């Protein structure tokens, strides 16, 4: 699954630079995660780095974007090739 930033986000700016896939960007009001770029850090780290650094724990799995670990790894390889 891709991750999702909820409206509990306080715009602290710590998650964006931690994303190895550049999937996090500022939205109209809070940060947002591009599900086409989010691999939950598969291929880079053992756990999603945005979740590790988030001080308010507002980055759950996105239930609308379900992906298996194999699909996340495939996406990682596609992003690396591009």
PDB file of N, CA and C in Angstrom:
ATOM      1  N   UNK A   1       0.834  -1.184   0.000  1.00  0.00           N
ATOM      2  CA  UNK A   1       0.000   0.000   0.000  1.00  0.00           C
ATOM      3  C   UNK A   1       0.872   1.239   0.000  1.00  0.00           C
ATOM      4  N   UNK A   2       0.362   2.252  -0.588  1.00  0.00           N
ATOM      5  CA  UNK A   2       1.004   3.546  -0.443  1.00  0.00           C
ATOM      6  C   UNK A   2       0.587   4.108   0.908  1.00  0.00           C
ATOM      7  N   UNK A   3       1.248   5.136   1.332  1.00  0.00           N
ATOM      8  CA  UNK A   3       0.916   5.787   2.591  1.00  0.00           C
ATOM      9  C   UNK A   3       0.096   7.038   2.321  1.00  0.00           C
ATOM     10  N   UNK A   4      -0.497   7.567   3.361  1.00  0.00           N
ATOM     11  CA  UNK A   4      -1.390   8.711   3.266  1.00  0.00           C
ATOM     12  C   UNK A   4      -1.121   9.635   4.440  1.00  0.00           C
ATOM     13  N   UNK A   5      -1.050  10.921   4.197  1.00  0.00           N
ATOM     14  CA  UNK A   5      -0.890  11.895   5.273  1.00  0.00           C
ATOM     15  C   UNK A   5      -2.271  12.449   5.609  1.00  0.00           C
ATOM     16  N   UNK A   6      -2.664  12.329   6.872  1.00  0.00           N
ATOM     17  CA  UNK A   6      -3.995  12.769   7.281  1.00  0.00           C
ATOM     18  C   UNK A   6      -4.002  14.257   7.631  1.00  0.00           C
ATOM     19  N   UNK A   7      -5.210  14.747   7.898  1.00  0.00           N
ATOM     20  CA  UNK A   7      -5.343  16.170   8.240  1.00  0.00           C
ATOM     21  C   UNK A   7      -4.823  16.492   9.639  1.00  0.00           C
ATOM     22  N   UNK A   8      -4.279  15.512  10.336  1.00  0.00           N
ATOM     23  CA  UNK A   8      -3.603  15.777  11.612  1.00  0.00           C
ATOM     24  C   UNK A   8      -2.196  16.326  11.395  1.00  0.00           C
ATOM     25  N   UNK A   9      -1.740  16.354  10.151  1.00  0.00           N
ATOM     26  CA  UNK A   9      -0.411  16.865   9.801  1.00  0.00           C
ATOM     27  C   UNK A   9      -0.257  18.299  10.306  1.00  0.00           C
ATOM     28  N   UNK A  10       0.899  18.569  10.921  1.00  0.00           N
ATOM     29  CA  UNK A  10       1.170  19.919  11.443  1.00  0.00           C
ATOM     30  C   UNK A  10       2.165  20.684  10.554  1.00  0.00           C
ATOM     31  N   UNK A  11       2.443  20.146   9.362  1.00  0.00           N
ATOM     32  CA  UNK A  11       3.358  20.799   8.421  1.00  0.00           C
ATOM     33  C   UNK A  11       4.716  21.096   9.046  1.00  0.00           C
ATOM     34  N   UNK A  12       5.264  20.120   9.735  1.00  0.00           N
ATOM     35  CA  UNK A  12       6.542  20.326  10.425  1.00  0.00           C
ATOM     36  C   UNK A  12       7.741  20.203   9.479  1.00  0.00           C
ATOM     37  N   UNK A  13       7.512  19.746   8.267  1.00  0.00           N
ATOM     38  CA  UNK A  13       8.544  19.681   7.223  1.00  0.00           C
ATOM     39  C   UNK A  13       9.587  18.574   7.417  1.00  0.00           C
ATOM     40  N   UNK A  14       9.398  17.643   8.331  1.00  0.00           N
ATOM     41  CA  UNK A  14      10.429  16.623   8.531  1.00  0.00           C
ATOM     42  C   UNK A  14      10.282  15.426   7.598  1.00  0.00           C
ATOM     43  N   UNK A  15       9.095  15.139   7.101  1.00  0.00           N
ATOM     44  CA  UNK A  15       8.895  13.943   6.275  1.00  0.00           C
ATOM     45  C   UNK A  15       9.405  14.105   4.845  1.00  0.00           C
ATOM     46  N   UNK A  16       9.186  15.250   4.251  1.00  0.00           N
ATOM     47  CA  UNK A  16       9.522  15.443   2.837  1.00  0.00           C
ATOM     48  C   UNK A  16      10.976  15.097   2.504  1.00  0.00           C
ATOM     49  N   UNK A  17      11.961  15.611   3.225  1.00  0.00           N
ATOM     50  CA  UNK A  17      13.344  15.288   2.866  1.00  0.00           C
ATOM     51  C   UNK A  17      13.731  13.834   3.158  1.00  0.00           C
ATOM     52  N   UNK A  18      12.953  13.129   3.974  1.00  0.00           N
ATOM     53  CA  UNK A  18      13.269  11.734   4.306  1.00  0.00           C
ATOM     54  C   UNK A  18      12.820  10.754   3.230  1.00  0.00           C
ATOM     55  N   UNK A  19      11.953  11.168   2.334  1.00  0.00           N
ATOM     56  CA  UNK A  19      11.404  10.265   1.324  1.00  0.00           C
ATOM     57  C   UNK A  19      12.420  10.016   0.207  1.00  0.00           C
ATOM     58  N   UNK A  20      12.886   8.771   0.056  1.00  0.00           N
ATOM     59  CA  UNK A  20      13.883   8.484  -0.970  1.00  0.00           C
ATOM     60  C   UNK A  20      13.322   8.478  -2.388  1.00  0.00           C
ATOM     61  N   UNK A  21      11.998   8.486  -2.514  1.00  0.00           N
ATOM     62  CA  UNK A  21      11.362   8.457  -3.833  1.00  0.00           C
ATOM     63  C   UNK A  21      10.756   9.796  -4.239  1.00  0.00           C
ATOM     64  N   UNK A  22      10.969  10.824  -3.453  1.00  0.00           N
ATOM     65  CA  UNK A  22      10.381  12.148  -3.706  1.00  0.00           C
ATOM     66  C   UNK A  22       8.868  12.062  -3.890  1.00  0.00           C
ATOM     67  N   UNK A  23       8.235  11.231  -3.057  1.00  0.00           N
ATOM     68  CA  UNK A  23       6.788  11.046  -3.152  1.00  0.00           C
ATOM     69  C   UNK A  23       6.006  12.053  -2.316  1.00  0.00           C
ATOM     70  N   UNK A  24       6.694  12.778  -1.445  1.00  0.00           N
ATOM     71  CA  UNK A  24       6.015  13.709  -0.546  1.00  0.00           C
ATOM     72  C   UNK A  24       6.226  15.141  -1.019  1.00  0.00           C
ATOM     73  N   UNK A  25       5.111  15.872  -1.092  1.00  0.00           N
ATOM     74  CA  UNK A  25       5.195  17.285  -1.488  1.00  0.00           C
ATOM     75  C   UNK A  25       4.113  18.055  -0.737  1.00  0.00           C
ATOM     76  N   UNK A  26       4.263  19.359  -0.722  1.00  0.00           N
ATOM     77  CA  UNK A  26       3.279  20.202  -0.051  1.00  0.00           C
ATOM     78  C   UNK A  26       2.029  20.281  -0.906  1.00  0.00           C
ATOM     79  N   UNK A  27       0.882  20.008  -0.300  1.00  0.00           N
ATOM     80  CA  UNK A  27      -0.396  20.143  -0.978  1.00  0.00           C
ATOM     81  C   UNK A  27      -0.986  21.507  -0.704  1.00  0.00           C
ATOM     82  N   UNK A  28      -2.262  21.689  -0.990  1.00  0.00           N
ATOM     83  CA  UNK A  28      -2.901  22.984  -0.747  1.00  0.00           C
ATOM     84  C   UNK A  28      -2.844  23.435   0.716  1.00  0.00           C
ATOM     85  N   UNK A  29      -2.970  22.465   1.657  1.00  0.00           N
ATOM     86  CA  UNK A  29      -2.959  22.827   3.074  1.00  0.00           C
ATOM     87  C   UNK A  29      -1.958  22.013   3.887  1.00  0.00           C
ATOM     88  N   UNK A  30      -1.764  20.756   3.537  1.00  0.00           N
ATOM     89  CA  UNK A  30      -0.851  19.870   4.264  1.00  0.00           C
ATOM     90  C   UNK A  30      -0.021  19.087   3.245  1.00  0.00           C
ATOM     91  N   UNK A  31       0.965  18.382   3.746  1.00  0.00           N
ATOM     92  CA  UNK A  31       1.768  17.543   2.857  1.00  0.00           C
ATOM     93  C   UNK A  31       0.922  16.410   2.309  1.00  0.00           C
ATOM     94  N   UNK A  32       1.313  15.919   1.155  1.00  0.00           N
ATOM     95  CA  UNK A  32       0.604  14.812   0.523  1.00  0.00           C
ATOM     96  C   UNK A  32       1.614  13.829  -0.037  1.00  0.00           C
ATOM     97  N   UNK A  33       1.163  12.586  -0.228  1.00  0.00           N
ATOM     98  CA  UNK A  33       2.018  11.528  -0.749  1.00  0.00           C
ATOM     99  C   UNK A  33       1.476  11.073  -2.090  1.00  0.00           C
ATOM    100  N   UNK A  34       2.337  11.055  -3.101  1.00  0.00           N
ATOM    101  CA  UNK A  34       1.974  10.580  -4.431  1.00  0.00           C
ATOM    102  C   UNK A  34       2.026   9.053  -4.408  1.00  0.00           C
ATOM    103  N   UNK A  35       0.879   8.373  -4.514  1.00  0.00           N
ATOM    104  CA  UNK A  35       0.874   6.919  -4.449  1.00  0.00           C
ATOM    105  C   UNK A  35       1.609   6.261  -5.618  1.00  0.00           C
ATOM    106  N   UNK A  36       1.808   6.985  -6.697  1.00  0.00           N
ATOM    107  CA  UNK A  36       2.551   6.430  -7.833  1.00  0.00           C
ATOM    108  C   UNK A  36       4.051   6.383  -7.559  1.00  0.00           C
ATOM    109  N   UNK A  37       4.509   7.132  -6.545  1.00  0.00           N
ATOM    110  CA  UNK A  37       5.932   7.166  -6.196  1.00  0.00           C
ATOM    111  C   UNK A  37       6.233   6.517  -4.840  1.00  0.00           C
ATOM    112  N   UNK A  38       5.212   6.327  -4.023  1.00  0.00           N
ATOM    113  CA  UNK A  38       5.424   5.774  -2.683  1.00  0.00           C
ATOM    114  C   UNK A  38       5.619   4.260  -2.751  1.00  0.00           C
ATOM    115  N   UNK A  39       6.742   3.800  -2.205  1.00  0.00           N
ATOM    116  CA  UNK A  39       7.011   2.365  -2.105  1.00  0.00           C
ATOM    117  C   UNK A  39       7.086   1.931  -0.647  1.00  0.00           C
ATOM    118  N   UNK A  40       6.645   2.787   0.281  1.00  0.00           N
ATOM    119  CA  UNK A  40       6.795   2.541   1.711  1.00  0.00           C
ATOM    120  C   UNK A  40       8.266   2.297   2.054  1.00  0.00           C
ATOM    121  N   UNK A  41       9.138   2.884   1.278  1.00  0.00           N
ATOM    122  CA  UNK A  41      10.599   2.780   1.420  1.00  0.00           C
ATOM    123  C   UNK A  41      11.143   1.390   1.088  1.00  0.00           C
ATOM    124  N   UNK A  42      10.313   0.523   0.506  1.00  0.00           N
ATOM    125  CA  UNK A  42      10.795  -0.779   0.049  1.00  0.00           C
ATOM    126  C   UNK A  42      11.920  -0.537  -0.950  1.00  0.00           C
ATOM    127  N   UNK A  43      13.013  -1.261  -0.788  1.00  0.00           N
ATOM    128  CA  UNK A  43      14.177  -1.095  -1.646  1.00  0.00           C
ATOM    129  C   UNK A  43      15.196  -0.115  -1.087  1.00  0.00           C
ATOM    130  N   UNK A  44      14.761   0.700  -0.132  1.00  0.00           N
ATOM    131  CA  UNK A  44      15.649   1.695   0.474  1.00  0.00           C
ATOM    132  C   UNK A  44      15.885   1.416   1.958  1.00  0.00           C
ATOM    133  N   UNK A  45      14.804   1.192   2.701  1.00  0.00           N
ATOM    134  CA  UNK A  45      14.870   1.048   4.157  1.00  0.00           C
ATOM    135  C   UNK A  45      13.946  -0.083   4.619  1.00  0.00           C
ATOM    136  N   UNK A  46      14.110  -0.494   5.859  1.00  0.00           N
ATOM    137  CA  UNK A  46      13.277  -1.549   6.423  1.00  0.00           C
ATOM    138  C   UNK A  46      11.879  -1.078   6.808  1.00  0.00           C
ATOM    139  N   UNK A  47      11.719   0.223   6.976  1.00  0.00           N
ATOM    140  CA  UNK A  47      10.423   0.778   7.330  1.00  0.00           C
ATOM    141  C   UNK A  47      10.283   2.172   6.715  1.00  0.00           C
ATOM    142  N   UNK A  48       9.042   2.631   6.508  1.00  0.00           N
ATOM    143  CA  UNK A  48       8.831   3.952   5.915  1.00  0.00           C
ATOM    144  C   UNK A  48       9.440   5.054   6.770  1.00  0.00           C
ATOM    145  N   UNK A  49      10.355   5.783   6.194  1.00  0.00           N
ATOM    146  CA  UNK A  49      11.070   6.819   6.937  1.00  0.00           C
ATOM    147  C   UNK A  49      10.188   7.992   7.324  1.00  0.00           C
ATOM    148  N   UNK A  50       9.183   8.306   6.533  1.00  0.00           N
ATOM    149  CA  UNK A  50       8.277   9.401   6.900  1.00  0.00           C
ATOM    150  C   UNK A  50       7.548   9.072   8.191  1.00  0.00           C
ATOM    151  N   UNK A  51       7.174   7.813   8.362  1.00  0.00           N
ATOM    152  CA  UNK A  51       6.493   7.389   9.584  1.00  0.00           C
ATOM    153  C   UNK A  51       7.449   7.416  10.779  1.00  0.00           C
ATOM    154  N   UNK A  52       8.703   7.102  10.548  1.00  0.00           N
ATOM    155  CA  UNK A  52       9.700   7.101  11.622  1.00  0.00           C
ATOM    156  C   UNK A  52       9.880   8.505  12.190  1.00  0.00           C
ATOM    157  N   UNK A  53       9.930   9.512  11.320  1.00  0.00           N
ATOM    158  CA  UNK A  53      10.219  10.877  11.779  1.00  0.00           C
ATOM    159  C   UNK A  53       8.981  11.701  12.130  1.00  0.00           C
ATOM    160  N   UNK A  54       7.802  11.247  11.765  1.00  0.00           N
ATOM    161  CA  UNK A  54       6.582  12.034  11.999  1.00  0.00           C
ATOM    162  C   UNK A  54       6.303  12.183  13.497  1.00  0.00           C
ATOM    163  N   UNK A  55       6.266  13.421  14.003  1.00  0.00           N
ATOM    164  CA  UNK A  55       6.053  13.627  15.439  1.00  0.00           C
ATOM    165  C   UNK A  55       4.602  13.458  15.883  1.00  0.00           C
ATOM    166  N   UNK A  56       3.656  13.435  14.951  1.00  0.00           N
ATOM    167  CA  UNK A  56       2.241  13.321  15.334  1.00  0.00           C
ATOM    168  C   UNK A  56       1.603  12.020  14.854  1.00  0.00           C
ATOM    169  N   UNK A  57       2.368  11.134  14.252  1.00  0.00           N
ATOM    170  CA  UNK A  57       1.870   9.836  13.814  1.00  0.00           C
ATOM    171  C   UNK A  57       0.625   9.966  12.937  1.00  0.00           C
ATOM    172  N   UNK A  58       0.765  10.737  11.865  1.00  0.00           N
ATOM    173  CA  UNK A  58      -0.387  10.997  10.991  1.00  0.00           C
ATOM    174  C   UNK A  58      -0.219  10.406   9.595  1.00  0.00           C
ATOM    175  N   UNK A  59       0.568   9.306   9.489  1.00  0.00           N
ATOM    176  CA  UNK A  59       0.831   8.725   8.170  1.00  0.00           C
ATOM    177  C   UNK A  59       0.463   7.241   8.186  1.00  0.00           C
ATOM    178  N   UNK A  60      -0.833   6.932   8.051  1.00  0.00           N
ATOM    179  CA  UNK A  60      -1.259   5.539   8.002  1.00  0.00           C
ATOM    180  C   UNK A  60      -1.149   4.973   6.581  1.00  0.00           C
ATOM    181  N   UNK A  61      -1.445   3.683   6.463  1.00  0.00           N
ATOM    182  CA  UNK A  61      -1.540   3.076   5.138  1.00  0.00           C
ATOM    183  C   UNK A  61      -2.756   3.648   4.437  1.00  0.00           C
ATOM    184  N   UNK A  62      -2.661   3.808   3.137  1.00  0.00           N
ATOM    185  CA  UNK A  62      -3.768   4.332   2.341  1.00  0.00           C
ATOM    186  C   UNK A  62      -4.651   3.159   1.920  1.00  0.00           C
ATOM    187  N   UNK A  63      -5.842   3.015   2.485  1.00  0.00           N
ATOM    188  CA  UNK A  63      -6.703   1.879   2.160  1.00  0.00           C
ATOM    189  C   UNK A  63      -7.194   1.879   0.715  1.00  0.00           C
ATOM    190  N   UNK A  64      -7.077   3.010   0.039  1.00  0.00           N
ATOM    191  CA  UNK A  64      -7.510   3.094  -1.354  1.00  0.00           C
ATOM    192  C   UNK A  64      -6.404   2.707  -2.334  1.00  0.00           C
ATOM    193  N   UNK A  65      -5.210   2.398  -1.830  1.00  0.00           N
ATOM    194  CA  UNK A  65      -4.067   2.100  -2.698  1.00  0.00           C
ATOM    195  C   UNK A  65      -3.361   0.858  -2.161  1.00  0.00           C
ATOM    196  N   UNK A  66      -3.977  -0.295  -2.357  1.00  0.00           N
ATOM    197  CA  UNK A  66      -3.464  -1.548  -1.817  1.00  0.00           C
ATOM    198  C   UNK A  66      -2.443  -2.155  -2.773  1.00  0.00           C
ATOM    199  N   UNK A  67      -1.239  -2.439  -2.243  1.00  0.00           N
ATOM    200  CA  UNK A  67      -0.169  -3.054  -3.029  1.00  0.00           C
ATOM    201  C   UNK A  67       0.533  -4.102  -2.180  1.00  0.00           C
ATOM    202  N   UNK A  68       0.931  -5.186  -2.810  1.00  0.00           N
ATOM    203  CA  UNK A  68       1.682  -6.226  -2.123  1.00  0.00           C
ATOM    204  C   UNK A  68       3.146  -5.814  -2.023  1.00  0.00           C
ATOM    205  N   UNK A  69       3.912  -6.478  -1.163  1.00  0.00           N
ATOM    206  CA  UNK A  69       5.350  -6.194  -1.104  1.00  0.00           C
ATOM    207  C   UNK A  69       6.030  -6.385  -2.464  1.00  0.00           C
ATOM    208  N   UNK A  70       5.577  -7.342  -3.228  1.00  0.00           N
ATOM    209  CA  UNK A  70       6.150  -7.570  -4.562  1.00  0.00           C
ATOM    210  C   UNK A  70       5.849  -6.400  -5.496  1.00  0.00           C
ATOM    211  N   UNK A  71       4.641  -5.872  -5.422  1.00  0.00           N
ATOM    212  CA  UNK A  71       4.281  -4.720  -6.245  1.00  0.00           C
ATOM    213  C   UNK A  71       5.092  -3.487  -5.837  1.00  0.00           C
ATOM    214  N   UNK A  72       5.305  -3.313  -4.538  1.00  0.00           N
ATOM    215  CA  UNK A  72       6.113  -2.187  -4.070  1.00  0.00           C
ATOM    216  C   UNK A  72       7.547  -2.308  -4.563  1.00  0.00           C
ATOM    217  N   UNK A  73       8.093  -3.526  -4.554  1.00  0.00           N
ATOM    218  CA  UNK A  73       9.455  -3.729  -5.040  1.00  0.00           C
ATOM    219  C   UNK A  73       9.541  -3.483  -6.539  1.00  0.00           C
ATOM    220  N   UNK A  74       8.526  -3.892  -7.283  1.00  0.00           N
ATOM    221  CA  UNK A  74       8.478  -3.629  -8.728  1.00  0.00           C
ATOM    222  C   UNK A  74       8.443  -2.125  -8.984  1.00  0.00           C
ATOM    223  N   UNK A  75       7.632  -1.403  -8.197  1.00  0.00           N
ATOM    224  CA  UNK A  75       7.562   0.054  -8.339  1.00  0.00           C
ATOM    225  C   UNK A  75       8.917   0.683  -8.024  1.00  0.00           C
ATOM    226  N   UNK A  76       9.599   0.196  -6.972  1.00  0.00           N
ATOM    227  CA  UNK A  76      10.933   0.672  -6.630  1.00  0.00           C
ATOM    228  C   UNK A  76      11.879   0.526  -7.821  1.00  0.00           C
ATOM    229  N   UNK A  77      11.888  -0.652  -8.451  1.00  0.00           N
ATOM    230  CA  UNK A  77      12.783  -0.886  -9.596  1.00  0.00           C
ATOM    231  C   UNK A  77      12.413   0.028 -10.771  1.00  0.00           C
ATOM    232  N   UNK A  78      11.127   0.248 -11.004  1.00  0.00           N
ATOM    233  CA  UNK A  78      10.695   1.146 -12.078  1.00  0.00           C
ATOM    234  C   UNK A  78      11.164   2.573 -11.823  1.00  0.00           C
ATOM    235  N   UNK A  79      11.026   3.032 -10.590  1.00  0.00           N
ATOM    236  CA  UNK A  79      11.463   4.389 -10.249  1.00  0.00           C
ATOM    237  C   UNK A  79      12.971   4.546 -10.373  1.00  0.00           C
ATOM    238  N   UNK A  80      13.712   3.516 -10.005  1.00  0.00           N
ATOM    239  CA  UNK A  80      15.168   3.570 -10.112  1.00  0.00           C
ATOM    240  C   UNK A  80      15.622   3.595 -11.569  1.00  0.00           C
ATOM    241  N   UNK A  81      14.897   2.901 -12.426  1.00  0.00           N
ATOM    242  CA  UNK A  81      15.260   2.849 -13.851  1.00  0.00           C
ATOM    243  C   UNK A  81      14.945   4.174 -14.539  1.00  0.00           C
ATOM    244  N   UNK A  82      13.924   4.862 -14.035  1.00  0.00           N
ATOM    245  CA  UNK A  82      13.486   6.111 -14.665  1.00  0.00           C
ATOM    246  C   UNK A  82      14.345   7.226 -14.267  1.00  0.00           C
TER     247      UNK A  82
END
